[in-house]
Amino acid sequence: MMRPVQLRTLDEATQAPTDGFLADVIEGLSRPAKRLPSKYFYDARGSRLFEAICETPEYYLTRAEIEILGDHAMEMAAAVGPRRIIVEYGSGESIKTRLLLDHLDATAYVPVDVSREPLLAASAAIQTEYPRLKVLPLHADFTRPFNLPVGALGRSLVYFPGSTIGNFDPAEATALLRNIARAPGCEGALVGIDLVKSKRVLEAAYNDSDLVTAAFNLNLLHRINSELGGEFQPGRFSHRAVFNEAAGRIEMYLVSKIDQVVGVGGRSFSFRAREAILTELSHKYTLDGFSDMSSSAGMTLTQAWTDDAARFAVVHLVRRAA
């Protein structure tokens, strides 16, 4: 019999999700160098657009990660060990989650995501495909401390795919890994990381010829308009993504085409022509560099698997004994 999927909201939250969204938008647009958090890309349309990005010829990341899981999921399962609760940071929409669940001896699966509708849709799909698996979706922001559902207490493994950890600056990424290491019952993590490579390849991946990434970036403005009553005219902004070689990261922006004033939440924000809003960072790593960062967070990188072209890696981190 298929288990029903039940959503558990984060009881500790003191604000409704829309309140947090509005506060983050106002705070980000009030900065001298404007920015918007990338976690808000993923409303229902944003999630569909990201799935389309993964199909573009230029965006190698998903194909490389799927290749790794297809070739090495059994080795990962052996490294992780049996009877684990799998806590995925993200909604589990893609084939990557299924490749892992096919091989891991999981007692429960807990996808954690800040976007409610994609979370519920993905969880229902996983429950349908794995009817014996306890699926416990958790509507929460995984960048902040949260409690697992009562039915998911025990030895757990965090699964953090898609190089999402690269969206955080090094201090934030270290803090996130430290939170994982300190979580009750957590024994380790499988983390996807994008590896350093040529500027040409990296910039092409975030500037696809079909302009899907541009639509994904601009959708953030549509979401602000629809959910927060914003007054953005997305056609007055353009997408830009560049590789900052010194910082080792892709930087994605929305660039104002003209001088303009935009209202959001009862506030007005002025933009000069060519002024940019930073919407995403995507750090690229070396294995040694990521190992050092993990170590500073209290975790040890015990094993790494790469695709044949060494473009991407999935690493196994184990919490160090205190």
Protein backbone atom coordinates (compact mmCIF):
# COMPACT_ATOMS: atom_id res chain seq x y z
CA MET A 1 0.00 0.00 0.00
CA MET A 2 1.28 3.46 -0.88
CA ARG A 3 1.92 5.73 2.08
CA PRO A 4 0.21 9.13 2.01
CA VAL A 5 2.52 12.11 1.64
CA GLN A 6 2.11 14.57 4.48
CA LEU A 7 3.74 17.98 4.58
CA ARG A 8 5.26 19.11 7.84
CA THR A 9 5.84 22.84 8.16
CA LEU A 10 8.63 24.24 10.24
CA ASP A 11 6.96 24.94 13.58
CA GLU A 12 9.86 27.10 14.73
CA ALA A 13 9.30 29.63 11.94
CA THR A 14 8.12 33.00 13.22
CA GLN A 15 7.21 34.44 9.83
CA ALA A 16 5.04 33.29 6.97
CA PRO A 17 7.12 32.36 3.89
CA THR A 18 5.88 35.45 2.02
CA ASP A 19 6.96 37.68 4.90
CA GLY A 20 10.47 36.24 4.74
CA PHE A 21 10.54 36.64 0.98
CA LEU A 22 9.51 40.29 1.19
CA ALA A 23 11.98 41.04 3.96
CA ASP A 24 14.82 39.46 1.99
CA VAL A 25 13.89 41.36 -1.18
CA ILE A 26 13.72 44.72 0.60
CA GLU A 27 16.99 44.06 2.43
CA GLY A 28 18.75 42.97 -0.75
CA LEU A 29 17.54 45.87 -2.89
CA SER A 30 18.43 48.36 -0.14
CA ARG A 31 22.12 47.47 -0.30
CA PRO A 32 24.56 49.70 -2.17
CA ALA A 33 25.36 46.64 -4.31
CA LYS A 34 21.90 45.18 -4.86
CA ARG A 35 21.32 41.43 -4.58
CA LEU A 36 18.49 38.91 -4.33
CA PRO A 37 18.79 35.46 -2.71
CA SER A 38 18.99 32.65 -5.25
CA LYS A 39 16.77 30.40 -3.12
CA TYR A 40 13.77 32.37 -4.43
CA PHE A 41 14.34 31.23 -8.01
CA TYR A 42 12.33 28.09 -7.36
CA ASP A 43 8.64 28.76 -7.56
CA ALA A 44 6.71 26.33 -9.78
CA ARG A 45 7.73 28.08 -13.02
CA GLY A 46 11.30 28.54 -11.84
CA SER A 47 11.58 24.85 -11.04
CA ARG A 48 10.30 23.96 -14.53
CA LEU A 49 12.76 26.35 -16.11
CA PHE A 50 15.63 24.86 -14.13
CA GLU A 51 14.66 21.39 -15.36
CA ALA A 52 14.80 22.84 -18.89
CA ILE A 53 18.24 24.34 -18.20
CA CYS A 54 19.46 20.86 -17.30
CA GLU A 55 18.52 19.73 -20.82
CA THR A 56 20.46 22.44 -22.65
CA PRO A 57 23.63 21.34 -24.48
CA GLU A 58 25.80 23.84 -22.63
CA TYR A 59 24.75 22.91 -19.08
CA TYR A 60 26.98 19.91 -18.42
CA LEU A 61 26.52 19.78 -14.64
CA THR A 62 23.42 17.59 -14.44
CA ARG A 63 24.59 15.13 -17.09
CA ALA A 64 27.97 14.80 -15.37
CA GLU A 65 26.37 14.20 -11.97
CA ILE A 66 23.97 11.62 -13.40
CA GLU A 67 26.92 9.88 -15.04
CA ILE A 68 28.69 9.71 -11.67
CA LEU A 69 25.64 8.31 -9.88
CA GLY A 70 24.99 5.81 -12.65
CA ASP A 71 28.55 4.54 -12.47
CA HIS A 72 29.19 4.74 -8.73
CA ALA A 73 25.92 4.65 -6.75
CA MET A 74 26.67 1.15 -5.49
CA GLU A 75 30.06 2.31 -4.20
CA MET A 76 28.38 5.26 -2.51
CA ALA A 77 25.88 2.95 -0.83
CA ALA A 78 28.71 0.79 0.48
CA ALA A 79 30.53 3.86 1.81
CA VAL A 80 27.41 5.24 3.48
CA GLY A 81 26.28 2.00 5.09
CA PRO A 82 22.81 0.48 5.65
CA ARG A 83 19.68 1.70 7.40
CA ARG A 84 20.05 5.42 6.85
CA ILE A 85 17.50 8.21 6.86
CA ILE A 86 18.19 10.24 3.71
CA VAL A 87 17.74 13.97 4.20
CA GLU A 88 17.91 15.74 0.84
CA TYR A 89 18.54 19.46 0.67
CA GLY A 90 16.22 20.23 -2.22
CA SER A 91 12.95 18.90 -3.58
CA GLY A 92 14.18 15.66 -5.17
CA GLU A 93 12.72 16.49 -8.56
CA SER A 94 15.37 14.85 -10.71
CA ILE A 95 16.60 11.41 -11.69
CA LYS A 96 19.60 11.86 -9.38
CA THR A 97 17.51 11.20 -6.29
CA ARG A 98 16.10 8.04 -7.81
CA LEU A 99 19.53 6.72 -8.80
CA LEU A 100 20.62 7.09 -5.20
CA LEU A 101 17.46 5.65 -3.65
CA ASP A 102 17.71 2.63 -5.96
CA HIS A 103 20.94 1.62 -4.23
CA LEU A 104 20.81 3.01 -0.70
CA ASP A 105 19.20 1.06 2.12
CA ALA A 106 17.02 3.95 3.25
CA THR A 107 14.59 3.75 6.16
CA ALA A 108 13.06 7.15 5.36
CA TYR A 109 13.44 9.97 2.88
CA VAL A 110 13.13 13.61 3.99
CA PRO A 111 13.32 16.22 1.20
CA VAL A 112 13.75 19.72 2.64
CA ASP A 113 12.85 22.71 0.50
CA VAL A 114 11.73 26.30 0.92
CA SER A 115 9.41 26.08 -2.14
CA ARG A 116 6.20 24.37 -1.09
CA GLU A 117 4.57 23.31 -4.37
CA PRO A 118 7.66 21.77 -6.03
CA LEU A 119 8.39 20.00 -2.74
CA LEU A 120 4.94 18.41 -2.56
CA ALA A 121 4.93 17.44 -6.24
CA ALA A 122 8.36 15.83 -6.05
CA SER A 123 7.53 14.04 -2.79
CA ALA A 124 4.33 12.59 -4.23
CA ALA A 125 6.24 11.32 -7.26
CA ILE A 126 8.91 9.69 -5.07
CA GLN A 127 6.23 8.07 -2.89
CA THR A 128 4.50 6.66 -5.98
CA GLU A 129 7.75 5.15 -7.27
CA TYR A 130 8.91 3.88 -3.87
CA PRO A 131 5.68 2.82 -2.11
CA ARG A 132 7.48 1.09 0.78
CA LEU A 133 9.64 4.10 1.57
CA LYS A 134 8.57 6.51 4.29
CA VAL A 135 8.53 9.92 2.56
CA LEU A 136 8.39 12.91 4.93
CA PRO A 137 8.64 16.24 3.09
CA LEU A 138 9.72 19.15 5.24
CA HIS A 139 8.84 22.69 4.17
CA ALA A 140 11.80 24.60 5.59
CA ASP A 141 14.86 26.64 4.72
CA PHE A 142 17.78 24.22 5.00
CA THR A 143 20.22 27.10 5.44
CA ARG A 144 18.75 27.60 8.91
CA PRO A 145 18.59 25.09 11.79
CA PHE A 146 15.52 22.83 11.63
CA ASN A 147 14.18 19.74 13.36
CA LEU A 148 13.53 16.52 11.48
CA PRO A 149 10.01 15.03 11.58
CA VAL A 150 9.34 12.61 14.43
CA GLY A 151 9.22 9.71 11.97
CA ALA A 152 12.75 10.44 10.77
CA LEU A 153 14.80 10.20 13.94
CA GLY A 154 17.91 8.04 13.79
CA ARG A 155 21.11 7.69 11.79
CA SER A 156 20.91 10.06 8.87
CA LEU A 157 22.81 11.07 5.76
CA VAL A 158 22.44 14.46 4.12
CA TYR A 159 22.23 14.34 0.33
CA PHE A 160 23.08 17.74 -1.17
CA PRO A 161 23.20 17.37 -4.97
CA GLY A 162 23.51 19.68 -7.92
CA SER A 163 26.44 21.81 -6.77
CA THR A 164 23.96 23.92 -4.79
CA ILE A 165 26.56 24.37 -2.08
CA GLY A 166 28.44 26.50 -4.60
CA ASN A 167 25.67 29.10 -4.34
CA PHE A 168 27.01 30.11 -0.92
CA ASP A 169 30.12 32.12 -0.27
CA PRO A 170 32.92 30.17 1.47
CA ALA A 171 31.97 31.36 4.96
CA GLU A 172 28.31 30.48 4.41
CA ALA A 173 29.17 27.10 2.87
CA THR A 174 31.44 26.30 5.81
CA ALA A 175 28.69 27.25 8.26
CA LEU A 176 26.21 25.06 6.38
CA LEU A 177 28.58 22.08 6.51
CA ARG A 178 29.14 22.76 10.20
CA ASN A 179 25.36 22.68 10.79
CA ILE A 180 25.24 19.32 9.00
CA ALA A 181 28.08 17.98 11.14
CA ARG A 182 26.34 19.09 14.34
CA ALA A 183 22.86 17.82 13.46
CA PRO A 184 21.65 15.09 15.85
CA GLY A 185 21.98 11.65 14.29
CA CYS A 186 23.78 12.88 11.16
CA GLU A 187 26.78 10.74 10.30
CA GLY A 188 27.81 12.33 7.03
CA ALA A 189 26.84 13.74 3.67
CA LEU A 190 27.02 13.16 -0.06
CA VAL A 191 27.62 16.53 -1.72
CA GLY A 192 27.76 17.47 -5.39
CA ILE A 193 30.41 20.03 -6.36
CA ASP A 194 31.28 21.60 -9.69
CA LEU A 195 35.00 21.55 -10.42
CA VAL A 196 37.16 24.38 -11.74
CA LYS A 197 37.52 24.41 -15.51
CA SER A 198 37.93 26.84 -18.40
CA LYS A 199 36.18 30.21 -18.42
CA ARG A 200 34.73 29.40 -21.85
CA VAL A 201 33.01 26.21 -20.70
CA LEU A 202 31.74 27.76 -17.47
CA GLU A 203 30.30 30.90 -19.03
CA ALA A 204 28.61 28.91 -21.79
CA ALA A 205 26.86 26.77 -19.17
CA TYR A 206 25.18 29.86 -17.70
CA ASN A 207 24.52 31.63 -21.01
CA ASP A 208 22.82 28.92 -23.08
CA SER A 209 21.98 29.72 -26.68
CA ASP A 210 18.26 29.02 -26.13
CA LEU A 211 18.13 31.72 -23.42
CA VAL A 212 16.55 29.35 -20.89
CA THR A 213 18.89 30.53 -18.15
CA ALA A 214 18.00 34.11 -18.99
CA ALA A 215 14.29 33.28 -18.58
CA PHE A 216 15.06 31.50 -15.30
CA ASN A 217 16.90 34.55 -13.97
CA LEU A 218 14.22 37.00 -15.09
CA ASN A 219 11.50 34.81 -13.59
CA LEU A 220 12.64 36.02 -10.18
CA LEU A 221 11.23 39.44 -11.08
CA HIS A 222 7.95 37.86 -12.23
CA ARG A 223 7.75 36.05 -8.89
CA ILE A 224 8.32 39.26 -6.93
CA ASN A 225 5.52 40.86 -8.94
CA SER A 226 3.03 38.02 -8.51
CA GLU A 227 3.70 37.18 -4.85
CA LEU A 228 4.76 40.51 -3.39
CA GLY A 229 2.92 43.00 -5.59
CA GLY A 230 6.16 44.22 -7.12
CA GLU A 231 6.21 46.60 -10.06
CA PHE A 232 9.16 45.25 -12.03
CA GLN A 233 8.98 45.31 -15.81
CA PRO A 234 11.21 42.32 -16.60
CA GLY A 235 11.74 43.51 -20.16
CA ARG A 236 13.72 46.41 -18.74
CA PHE A 237 16.34 44.02 -17.34
CA SER A 238 18.77 41.66 -19.04
CA HIS A 239 20.54 38.50 -17.91
CA ARG A 240 24.30 38.42 -17.47
CA ALA A 241 26.56 35.62 -16.19
CA VAL A 242 30.35 35.92 -15.97
CA PHE A 243 33.15 33.85 -14.44
CA ASN A 244 35.15 35.71 -11.81
CA GLU A 245 38.46 33.89 -12.08
CA ALA A 246 39.99 35.52 -9.00
CA ALA A 247 37.09 34.39 -6.80
CA GLY A 248 36.60 31.07 -8.63
CA ARG A 249 32.89 31.57 -9.19
CA ILE A 250 30.18 32.30 -11.71
CA GLU A 251 28.32 35.52 -10.92
CA MET A 252 24.81 35.91 -12.30
CA TYR A 253 23.12 39.29 -12.55
CA LEU A 254 19.99 41.07 -13.70
CA VAL A 255 21.11 44.31 -15.33
CA SER A 256 18.90 47.37 -15.63
CA LYS A 257 18.69 48.54 -19.24
CA ILE A 258 17.60 52.08 -18.31
CA ASP A 259 17.33 54.49 -15.40
CA GLN A 260 14.17 53.42 -13.59
CA VAL A 261 12.33 53.28 -10.26
CA VAL A 262 10.62 50.08 -9.10
CA GLY A 263 8.16 49.68 -6.24
CA VAL A 264 8.10 46.64 -3.94
CA GLY A 265 6.34 46.31 -0.59
CA GLY A 266 5.57 50.00 -0.30
CA ARG A 267 9.19 50.95 -0.97
CA SER A 268 10.73 52.49 -4.07
CA PHE A 269 14.11 51.41 -5.44
CA SER A 270 16.07 53.41 -7.98
CA PHE A 271 18.19 51.77 -10.67
CA ARG A 272 20.72 53.43 -12.91
CA ALA A 273 21.19 52.21 -16.46
CA ARG A 274 23.57 49.21 -16.41
CA GLU A 275 23.20 48.81 -12.63
CA ALA A 276 23.19 45.12 -11.71
CA ILE A 277 21.36 42.99 -9.16
CA LEU A 278 23.43 39.98 -8.09
CA THR A 279 21.09 36.98 -8.15
CA GLU A 280 23.40 33.99 -7.88
CA LEU A 281 26.93 32.91 -7.08
CA SER A 282 28.17 29.50 -8.18
CA HIS A 283 31.56 28.65 -6.72
CA LYS A 284 33.76 26.12 -8.47
CA TYR A 285 36.08 23.94 -6.41
CA THR A 286 39.17 21.81 -6.49
CA LEU A 287 38.95 18.59 -4.49
CA ASP A 288 41.75 19.74 -2.22
CA GLY A 289 40.08 23.09 -1.63
CA PHE A 290 36.73 21.52 -0.81
CA SER A 291 38.41 19.00 1.48
CA ASP A 292 40.05 21.85 3.40
CA MET A 293 36.75 23.70 3.74
CA SER A 294 35.00 20.54 4.94
CA SER A 295 37.74 19.92 7.48
CA SER A 296 37.29 23.40 8.94
CA ALA A 297 33.59 22.55 9.38
CA GLY A 298 34.32 19.36 11.32
CA MET A 299 33.94 16.89 8.45
CA THR A 300 36.41 14.66 6.62
CA LEU A 301 36.28 14.05 2.88
CA THR A 302 36.73 10.28 2.68
CA GLN A 303 35.98 9.60 -0.97
CA ALA A 304 35.30 11.47 -4.21
CA TRP A 305 33.82 10.27 -7.48
CA THR A 306 34.11 12.23 -10.74
CA ASP A 307 32.72 11.86 -14.24
CA ASP A 308 35.06 10.67 -16.99
CA ALA A 309 35.88 14.24 -18.03
CA ALA A 310 36.52 15.33 -14.41
CA ARG A 311 34.03 18.17 -14.70
CA PHE A 312 32.03 17.39 -11.57
CA ALA A 313 32.40 15.42 -8.34
CA VAL A 314 30.23 13.80 -5.70
CA VAL A 315 32.08 13.64 -2.40
CA HIS A 316 31.43 11.64 0.76
CA LEU A 317 31.91 13.60 3.96
CA VAL A 318 32.00 11.98 7.39
CA ARG A 319 31.53 13.81 10.65
CA ARG A 320 34.71 13.83 12.70
CA ALA A 321 34.49 12.49 16.21
CA ALA A 322 34.54 15.24 18.81
